[in-house]
Amino acid sequence: MQDPVPSGPPFQAGQRHVLRIATSPSAARGVGRLGEFVVFVPFTLVDEEVEVELTEVKRHFARGRLLAVRQASPSRVPPAAPTSANAAVASTSM
């Protein structure tokens, strides 16, 4: 009896998926799941529902690029708007 042929990863790079970020082992990325398949997504927070594009797919995990935050975490804060002083410094350094 032959062993079954090992199958590849269940997903492919370029596919888009919506998932919920369950954990964040570092400040730089969150971890979501597609079933039992783990997906690392930078710039996400725990409890966010996000749309991602898979950029790298390995046998047991993938890395994704954040396309949109569909439901933001209460911990998410809007980016600071540039002040006129910051804008002046930026324009003189070009």
Protein backbone atom coordinates (compact mmCIF):
# COMPACT_ATOMS: atom_id res chain seq x y z
CA MET A 1 0.00 0.00 0.00
CA GLN A 2 1.39 3.38 -0.99
CA ASP A 3 1.40 6.41 1.25
CA PRO A 4 -0.88 9.16 0.02
CA VAL A 5 0.83 11.85 -2.02
CA PRO A 6 1.44 14.87 0.24
CA SER A 7 -0.78 17.72 -0.78
CA GLY A 8 0.42 21.27 -1.08
CA PRO A 9 -0.87 24.23 0.88
CA PRO A 10 -4.63 24.75 0.75
CA PHE A 11 -4.29 28.31 -0.58
CA GLN A 12 -2.29 30.20 -3.22
CA ALA A 13 -0.50 33.54 -3.29
CA GLY A 14 -2.68 36.25 -4.78
CA GLN A 15 -5.92 34.97 -3.26
CA ARG A 16 -7.98 37.44 -1.22
CA HIS A 17 -9.71 36.49 2.02
CA VAL A 18 -11.54 38.12 4.91
CA LEU A 19 -10.43 36.98 8.35
CA ARG A 20 -10.50 38.00 11.99
CA ILE A 21 -7.23 38.71 13.78
CA ALA A 22 -7.14 36.44 16.83
CA THR A 23 -3.75 37.17 18.35
CA SER A 24 -0.85 39.57 18.00
CA PRO A 25 2.47 38.06 19.08
CA SER A 26 4.25 41.32 18.28
CA ALA A 27 3.33 44.94 17.72
CA ALA A 28 4.25 44.53 14.07
CA ARG A 29 1.72 41.88 12.99
CA GLY A 30 -1.45 40.04 13.83
CA VAL A 31 -2.36 36.41 13.36
CA GLY A 32 -5.59 35.25 11.78
CA ARG A 33 -6.80 31.87 10.61
CA LEU A 34 -8.47 30.46 7.56
CA GLY A 35 -9.84 27.33 9.17
CA GLU A 36 -6.76 25.81 10.79
CA PHE A 37 -4.40 27.61 8.40
CA VAL A 38 -2.42 30.44 10.05
CA VAL A 39 -2.02 33.82 8.29
CA PHE A 40 0.39 36.53 9.52
CA VAL A 41 -0.77 40.05 8.61
CA PRO A 42 1.25 43.18 9.42
CA PHE A 43 -0.38 46.41 10.67
CA THR A 44 -3.38 44.64 12.25
CA LEU A 45 -4.76 44.48 15.77
CA VAL A 46 -6.54 41.79 17.78
CA ASP A 47 -10.30 41.57 17.07
CA GLU A 48 -10.13 43.30 13.70
CA GLU A 49 -11.90 41.90 10.68
CA VAL A 50 -9.59 42.47 7.73
CA GLU A 51 -9.36 41.79 4.03
CA VAL A 52 -5.98 40.41 3.03
CA GLU A 53 -4.18 39.26 -0.08
CA LEU A 54 -1.95 36.24 0.48
CA THR A 55 1.59 37.17 -0.58
CA GLU A 56 3.54 34.09 0.49
CA VAL A 57 2.10 30.64 1.12
CA LYS A 58 3.98 27.87 2.88
CA ARG A 59 2.76 24.39 3.81
CA HIS A 60 1.31 25.37 7.22
CA PHE A 61 1.11 29.17 7.18
CA ALA A 62 0.92 32.23 4.96
CA ARG A 63 1.82 35.88 5.02
CA GLY A 64 -0.71 38.42 3.84
CA ARG A 65 -0.88 42.06 2.82
CA LEU A 66 -3.55 44.17 4.48
CA LEU A 67 -6.00 45.47 1.89
CA ALA A 68 -8.72 46.87 4.16
CA VAL A 69 -9.84 46.95 7.76
CA ARG A 70 -13.52 46.01 7.63
CA GLN A 71 -14.11 46.26 11.37
CA ALA A 72 -11.50 48.14 13.38
CA SER A 73 -10.35 47.23 16.86
CA PRO A 74 -11.29 49.65 19.65
CA SER A 75 -7.51 49.94 20.17
CA ARG A 76 -6.94 51.38 16.69
CA VAL A 77 -6.26 55.11 16.66
CA PRO A 78 -6.31 57.31 13.57
CA PRO A 79 -2.92 58.46 12.29
CA ALA A 80 -1.84 61.87 13.48
CA ALA A 81 -2.52 64.63 10.99
CA PRO A 82 0.59 66.52 10.01
CA THR A 83 0.84 69.88 11.73
CA SER A 84 1.86 72.99 9.86
CA ALA A 85 5.25 72.89 11.63
CA ASN A 86 5.86 69.31 10.44
CA ALA A 87 4.75 70.20 6.94
CA ALA A 88 7.15 73.17 6.87
CA VAL A 89 10.06 70.97 7.96
CA ALA A 90 9.18 68.35 5.37
CA SER A 91 8.96 70.91 2.55
CA THR A 92 12.35 72.47 3.40
CA SER A 93 14.12 69.12 3.55
CA MET A 94 13.28 68.19 -0.05
